[in-house]
Amino acid sequence: MKFVKFSMLALTLGLFLASCGGGETTEAPAEDTMTAPVMEEPVAPVVPDTTVPAVDTTTVAPAQ
């Protein structure tokens, strides 16, 4: 019984170390986002289409 407990402890410790990476760090270097600023093009304002009459969405149509 003592051997089974020791085996379970060793197994859980092994799984813990495997999931944590065993102390190895594999972090990628942080990207420097300030080196090349992105210039966004200005967006033209949206002009409403006045040729189509506006639809009144506040009223409810009767059910048919």
PDB file of N, CA and C in Angstrom:
ATOM      1  N   MET A   1       0.833  -1.194   0.000  1.00  0.00           N
ATOM      2  CA  MET A   1       0.000   0.000   0.000  1.00  0.00           C
ATOM      3  C   MET A   1       0.875   1.255   0.000  1.00  0.00           C
ATOM      4  N   LYS A   2       1.994   1.162   0.706  1.00  0.00           N
ATOM      5  CA  LYS A   2       2.902   2.298   0.761  1.00  0.00           C
ATOM      6  C   LYS A   2       3.483   2.572  -0.636  1.00  0.00           C
ATOM      7  N   PHE A   3       3.739   1.511  -1.398  1.00  0.00           N
ATOM      8  CA  PHE A   3       4.278   1.656  -2.745  1.00  0.00           C
ATOM      9  C   PHE A   3       3.277   2.341  -3.674  1.00  0.00           C
ATOM     10  N   VAL A   4       2.000   2.018  -3.499  1.00  0.00           N
ATOM     11  CA  VAL A   4       0.952   2.636  -4.330  1.00  0.00           C
ATOM     12  C   VAL A   4       0.848   4.123  -4.024  1.00  0.00           C
ATOM     13  N   LYS A   5       0.919   4.489  -2.760  1.00  0.00           N
ATOM     14  CA  LYS A   5       0.849   5.900  -2.387  1.00  0.00           C
ATOM     15  C   LYS A   5       2.049   6.661  -2.937  1.00  0.00           C
ATOM     16  N   PHE A   6       3.229   6.047  -2.843  1.00  0.00           N
ATOM     17  CA  PHE A   6       4.428   6.688  -3.360  1.00  0.00           C
ATOM     18  C   PHE A   6       4.346   6.834  -4.879  1.00  0.00           C
ATOM     19  N   SER A   7       3.811   5.835  -5.551  1.00  0.00           N
ATOM     20  CA  SER A   7       3.673   5.883  -7.010  1.00  0.00           C
ATOM     21  C   SER A   7       2.700   6.985  -7.429  1.00  0.00           C
ATOM     22  N   MET A   8       1.596   7.125  -6.700  1.00  0.00           N
ATOM     23  CA  MET A   8       0.620   8.169  -7.017  1.00  0.00           C
ATOM     24  C   MET A   8       1.226   9.555  -6.786  1.00  0.00           C
ATOM     25  N   LEU A   9       2.004   9.695  -5.715  1.00  0.00           N
ATOM     26  CA  LEU A   9       2.660  10.972  -5.428  1.00  0.00           C
ATOM     27  C   LEU A   9       3.660  11.304  -6.533  1.00  0.00           C
ATOM     28  N   ALA A  10       4.438  10.320  -6.965  1.00  0.00           N
ATOM     29  CA  ALA A  10       5.418  10.547  -8.022  1.00  0.00           C
ATOM     30  C   ALA A  10       4.723  10.893  -9.340  1.00  0.00           C
ATOM     31  N   LEU A  11       3.626  10.231  -9.624  1.00  0.00           N
ATOM     32  CA  LEU A  11       2.881  10.496 -10.845  1.00  0.00           C
ATOM     33  C   LEU A  11       2.308  11.910 -10.842  1.00  0.00           C
ATOM     34  N   THR A  12       1.708  12.317  -9.745  1.00  0.00           N
ATOM     35  CA  THR A  12       1.123  13.662  -9.681  1.00  0.00           C
ATOM     36  C   THR A  12       2.215  14.729  -9.737  1.00  0.00           C
ATOM     37  N   LEU A  13       3.340  14.485  -9.092  1.00  0.00           N
ATOM     38  CA  LEU A  13       4.441  15.447  -9.152  1.00  0.00           C
ATOM     39  C   LEU A  13       4.986  15.542 -10.578  1.00  0.00           C
ATOM     40  N   GLY A  14       5.095  14.412 -11.244  1.00  0.00           N
ATOM     41  CA  GLY A  14       5.571  14.415 -12.627  1.00  0.00           C
ATOM     42  C   GLY A  14       4.628  15.156 -13.550  1.00  0.00           C
ATOM     43  N   LEU A  15       3.330  14.944 -13.365  1.00  0.00           N
ATOM     44  CA  LEU A  15       2.350  15.659 -14.184  1.00  0.00           C
ATOM     45  C   LEU A  15       2.377  17.159 -13.901  1.00  0.00           C
ATOM     46  N   PHE A  16       2.567  17.509 -12.640  1.00  0.00           N
ATOM     47  CA  PHE A  16       2.640  18.926 -12.269  1.00  0.00           C
ATOM     48  C   PHE A  16       3.845  19.583 -12.918  1.00  0.00           C
ATOM     49  N   LEU A  17       4.989  18.927 -12.857  1.00  0.00           N
ATOM     50  CA  LEU A  17       6.191  19.499 -13.456  1.00  0.00           C
ATOM     51  C   LEU A  17       6.082  19.561 -14.973  1.00  0.00           C
ATOM     52  N   ALA A  18       5.449  18.589 -15.575  1.00  0.00           N
ATOM     53  CA  ALA A  18       5.285  18.597 -17.029  1.00  0.00           C
ATOM     54  C   ALA A  18       4.354  19.718 -17.467  1.00  0.00           C
ATOM     55  N   SER A  19       3.319  19.972 -16.699  1.00  0.00           N
ATOM     56  CA  SER A  19       2.375  21.025 -17.080  1.00  0.00           C
ATOM     57  C   SER A  19       2.955  22.410 -16.838  1.00  0.00           C
ATOM     58  N   CYS A  20       3.824  22.539 -15.852  1.00  0.00           N
ATOM     59  CA  CYS A  20       4.440  23.832 -15.562  1.00  0.00           C
ATOM     60  C   CYS A  20       5.691  24.061 -16.393  1.00  0.00           C
ATOM     61  N   GLY A  21       6.156  23.103 -17.117  1.00  0.00           N
ATOM     62  CA  GLY A  21       7.326  23.277 -17.950  1.00  0.00           C
ATOM     63  C   GLY A  21       8.615  22.907 -17.264  1.00  0.00           C
ATOM     64  N   GLY A  22       8.574  22.482 -16.039  1.00  0.00           N
ATOM     65  CA  GLY A  22       9.782  22.075 -15.347  1.00  0.00           C
ATOM     66  C   GLY A  22      10.738  23.218 -15.079  1.00  0.00           C
ATOM     67  N   GLY A  23      10.256  24.447 -15.001  1.00  0.00           N
ATOM     68  CA  GLY A  23      11.108  25.594 -14.702  1.00  0.00           C
ATOM     69  C   GLY A  23      11.697  26.241 -15.937  1.00  0.00           C
ATOM     70  N   GLU A  24      11.451  25.710 -17.109  1.00  0.00           N
ATOM     71  CA  GLU A  24      11.958  26.305 -18.332  1.00  0.00           C
ATOM     72  C   GLU A  24      11.034  27.443 -18.753  1.00  0.00           C
ATOM     73  N   THR A  25      11.629  28.537 -19.184  1.00  0.00           N
ATOM     74  CA  THR A  25      10.827  29.651 -19.677  1.00  0.00           C
ATOM     75  C   THR A  25      10.957  29.708 -21.182  1.00  0.00           C
ATOM     76  N   THR A  26       9.851  29.720 -21.857  1.00  0.00           N
ATOM     77  CA  THR A  26       9.835  29.794 -23.319  1.00  0.00           C
ATOM     78  C   THR A  26       9.064  31.020 -23.764  1.00  0.00           C
ATOM     79  N   GLU A  27       9.242  32.125 -23.040  1.00  0.00           N
ATOM     80  CA  GLU A  27       8.522  33.338 -23.378  1.00  0.00           C
ATOM     81  C   GLU A  27       9.159  34.000 -24.585  1.00  0.00           C
ATOM     82  N   ALA A  28       8.339  34.465 -25.483  1.00  0.00           N
ATOM     83  CA  ALA A  28       8.823  35.195 -26.650  1.00  0.00           C
ATOM     84  C   ALA A  28       9.154  36.618 -26.218  1.00  0.00           C
ATOM     85  N   PRO A  29      10.136  37.216 -26.838  1.00  0.00           N
ATOM     86  CA  PRO A  29      10.446  38.607 -26.480  1.00  0.00           C
ATOM     87  C   PRO A  29       9.277  39.518 -26.807  1.00  0.00           C
ATOM     88  N   ALA A  30       9.073  40.507 -25.965  1.00  0.00           N
ATOM     89  CA  ALA A  30       7.954  41.428 -26.161  1.00  0.00           C
ATOM     90  C   ALA A  30       8.194  42.252 -27.422  1.00  0.00           C
ATOM     91  N   GLU A  31       7.147  42.426 -28.199  1.00  0.00           N
ATOM     92  CA  GLU A  31       7.250  43.212 -29.415  1.00  0.00           C
ATOM     93  C   GLU A  31       7.233  44.687 -29.072  1.00  0.00           C
ATOM     94  N   ASP A  32       8.064  45.435 -29.751  1.00  0.00           N
ATOM     95  CA  ASP A  32       8.106  46.874 -29.543  1.00  0.00           C
ATOM     96  C   ASP A  32       7.146  47.514 -30.529  1.00  0.00           C
ATOM     97  N   THR A  33       6.016  47.962 -30.043  1.00  0.00           N
ATOM     98  CA  THR A  33       4.996  48.520 -30.925  1.00  0.00           C
ATOM     99  C   THR A  33       5.207  50.006 -31.189  1.00  0.00           C
ATOM    100  N   MET A  34       6.160  50.608 -30.527  1.00  0.00           N
ATOM    101  CA  MET A  34       6.379  52.039 -30.696  1.00  0.00           C
ATOM    102  C   MET A  34       7.388  52.345 -31.801  1.00  0.00           C
ATOM    103  N   THR A  35       7.988  51.363 -32.427  1.00  0.00           N
ATOM    104  CA  THR A  35       9.014  51.636 -33.421  1.00  0.00           C
ATOM    105  C   THR A  35       8.428  52.171 -34.718  1.00  0.00           C
ATOM    106  N   ALA A  36       7.310  51.649 -35.166  1.00  0.00           N
ATOM    107  CA  ALA A  36       6.719  52.096 -36.421  1.00  0.00           C
ATOM    108  C   ALA A  36       5.250  52.439 -36.183  1.00  0.00           C
ATOM    109  N   PRO A  37       4.946  53.723 -35.979  1.00  0.00           N
ATOM    110  CA  PRO A  37       3.543  54.077 -35.755  1.00  0.00           C
ATOM    111  C   PRO A  37       2.720  53.853 -37.027  1.00  0.00           C
ATOM    112  N   VAL A  38       1.528  53.362 -36.839  1.00  0.00           N
ATOM    113  CA  VAL A  38       0.628  53.086 -37.961  1.00  0.00           C
ATOM    114  C   VAL A  38      -0.175  54.345 -38.239  1.00  0.00           C
ATOM    115  N   MET A  39      -0.098  54.779 -39.478  1.00  0.00           N
ATOM    116  CA  MET A  39      -0.837  55.977 -39.877  1.00  0.00           C
ATOM    117  C   MET A  39      -2.152  55.526 -40.492  1.00  0.00           C
ATOM    118  N   GLU A  40      -3.239  55.833 -39.825  1.00  0.00           N
ATOM    119  CA  GLU A  40      -4.555  55.470 -40.334  1.00  0.00           C
ATOM    120  C   GLU A  40      -5.069  56.571 -41.246  1.00  0.00           C
ATOM    121  N   GLU A  41      -5.681  56.154 -42.350  1.00  0.00           N
ATOM    122  CA  GLU A  41      -6.245  57.128 -43.270  1.00  0.00           C
ATOM    123  C   GLU A  41      -7.534  57.680 -42.690  1.00  0.00           C
ATOM    124  N   PRO A  42      -7.752  58.983 -42.845  1.00  0.00           N
ATOM    125  CA  PRO A  42      -9.009  59.538 -42.324  1.00  0.00           C
ATOM    126  C   PRO A  42     -10.196  58.994 -43.121  1.00  0.00           C
ATOM    127  N   VAL A  43     -11.254  58.722 -42.416  1.00  0.00           N
ATOM    128  CA  VAL A  43     -12.459  58.170 -43.029  1.00  0.00           C
ATOM    129  C   VAL A  43     -13.411  59.317 -43.329  1.00  0.00           C
ATOM    130  N   ALA A  44     -13.911  59.314 -44.556  1.00  0.00           N
ATOM    131  CA  ALA A  44     -14.844  60.364 -44.949  1.00  0.00           C
ATOM    132  C   ALA A  44     -16.154  60.181 -44.201  1.00  0.00           C
ATOM    133  N   PRO A  45     -16.794  61.289 -43.785  1.00  0.00           N
ATOM    134  CA  PRO A  45     -18.078  61.155 -43.080  1.00  0.00           C
ATOM    135  C   PRO A  45     -19.146  60.583 -44.004  1.00  0.00           C
ATOM    136  N   VAL A  46     -20.040  59.809 -43.433  1.00  0.00           N
ATOM    137  CA  VAL A  46     -21.116  59.182 -44.194  1.00  0.00           C
ATOM    138  C   VAL A  46     -22.205  60.214 -44.451  1.00  0.00           C
ATOM    139  N   VAL A  47     -22.549  60.367 -45.725  1.00  0.00           N
ATOM    140  CA  VAL A  47     -23.597  61.308 -46.116  1.00  0.00           C
ATOM    141  C   VAL A  47     -24.878  60.498 -46.291  1.00  0.00           C
ATOM    142  N   PRO A  48     -25.949  60.860 -45.582  1.00  0.00           N
ATOM    143  CA  PRO A  48     -27.192  60.100 -45.715  1.00  0.00           C
ATOM    144  C   PRO A  48     -27.791  60.275 -47.113  1.00  0.00           C
ATOM    145  N   ASP A  49     -28.388  59.196 -47.601  1.00  0.00           N
ATOM    146  CA  ASP A  49     -29.045  59.216 -48.914  1.00  0.00           C
ATOM    147  C   ASP A  49     -30.414  59.867 -48.756  1.00  0.00           C
ATOM    148  N   THR A  50     -30.590  61.030 -49.350  1.00  0.00           N
ATOM    149  CA  THR A  50     -31.855  61.760 -49.205  1.00  0.00           C
ATOM    150  C   THR A  50     -32.850  61.403 -50.292  1.00  0.00           C
ATOM    151  N   THR A  51     -32.481  60.532 -51.239  1.00  0.00           N
ATOM    152  CA  THR A  51     -33.411  60.180 -52.312  1.00  0.00           C
ATOM    153  C   THR A  51     -34.426  59.137 -51.851  1.00  0.00           C
ATOM    154  N   VAL A  52     -34.125  58.392 -50.780  1.00  0.00           N
ATOM    155  CA  VAL A  52     -35.033  57.374 -50.265  1.00  0.00           C
ATOM    156  C   VAL A  52     -35.725  57.945 -49.033  1.00  0.00           C
ATOM    157  N   PRO A  53     -37.073  57.880 -48.974  1.00  0.00           N
ATOM    158  CA  PRO A  53     -37.755  58.416 -47.791  1.00  0.00           C
ATOM    159  C   PRO A  53     -37.432  57.578 -46.551  1.00  0.00           C
ATOM    160  N   ALA A  54     -37.355  58.234 -45.435  1.00  0.00           N
ATOM    161  CA  ALA A  54     -37.048  57.555 -44.181  1.00  0.00           C
ATOM    162  C   ALA A  54     -38.218  56.673 -43.764  1.00  0.00           C
ATOM    163  N   VAL A  55     -37.908  55.519 -43.190  1.00  0.00           N
ATOM    164  CA  VAL A  55     -38.928  54.573 -42.738  1.00  0.00           C
ATOM    165  C   VAL A  55     -39.149  54.808 -41.255  1.00  0.00           C
ATOM    166  N   ASP A  56     -40.420  54.914 -40.873  1.00  0.00           N
ATOM    167  CA  ASP A  56     -40.748  55.112 -39.456  1.00  0.00           C
ATOM    168  C   ASP A  56     -40.721  53.749 -38.769  1.00  0.00           C
ATOM    169  N   THR A  57     -39.733  53.540 -37.932  1.00  0.00           N
ATOM    170  CA  THR A  57     -39.583  52.243 -37.246  1.00  0.00           C
ATOM    171  C   THR A  57     -40.192  52.259 -35.861  1.00  0.00           C
ATOM    172  N   THR A  58     -40.823  53.348 -35.464  1.00  0.00           N
ATOM    173  CA  THR A  58     -41.412  53.423 -34.122  1.00  0.00           C
ATOM    174  C   THR A  58     -42.816  52.844 -34.075  1.00  0.00           C
ATOM    175  N   THR A  59     -43.459  52.718 -35.217  1.00  0.00           N
ATOM    176  CA  THR A  59     -44.807  52.151 -35.234  1.00  0.00           C
ATOM    177  C   THR A  59     -44.753  50.658 -35.482  1.00  0.00           C
ATOM    178  N   VAL A  60     -45.741  49.947 -34.969  1.00  0.00           N
ATOM    179  CA  VAL A  60     -45.803  48.503 -35.115  1.00  0.00           C
ATOM    180  C   VAL A  60     -46.847  48.184 -36.175  1.00  0.00           C
ATOM    181  N   ALA A  61     -46.484  47.359 -37.115  1.00  0.00           N
ATOM    182  CA  ALA A  61     -47.422  46.971 -38.158  1.00  0.00           C
ATOM    183  C   ALA A  61     -48.396  45.946 -37.573  1.00  0.00           C
ATOM    184  N   PRO A  62     -49.658  45.998 -37.993  1.00  0.00           N
ATOM    185  CA  PRO A  62     -50.627  45.009 -37.483  1.00  0.00           C
ATOM    186  C   PRO A  62     -50.282  43.600 -37.963  1.00  0.00           C
ATOM    187  N   ALA A  63     -50.515  42.627 -37.133  1.00  0.00           N
ATOM    188  CA  ALA A  63     -50.238  41.223 -37.476  1.00  0.00           C
ATOM    189  C   ALA A  63     -51.237  40.745 -38.488  1.00  0.00           C
ATOM    190  N   GLN A  64     -50.799  39.939 -39.414  1.00  0.00           N
ATOM    191  CA  GLN A  64     -51.708  39.442 -40.451  1.00  0.00           C
ATOM    192  C   GLN A  64     -51.984  37.980 -40.267  1.00  0.00           C
TER     193      GLN A  64
END
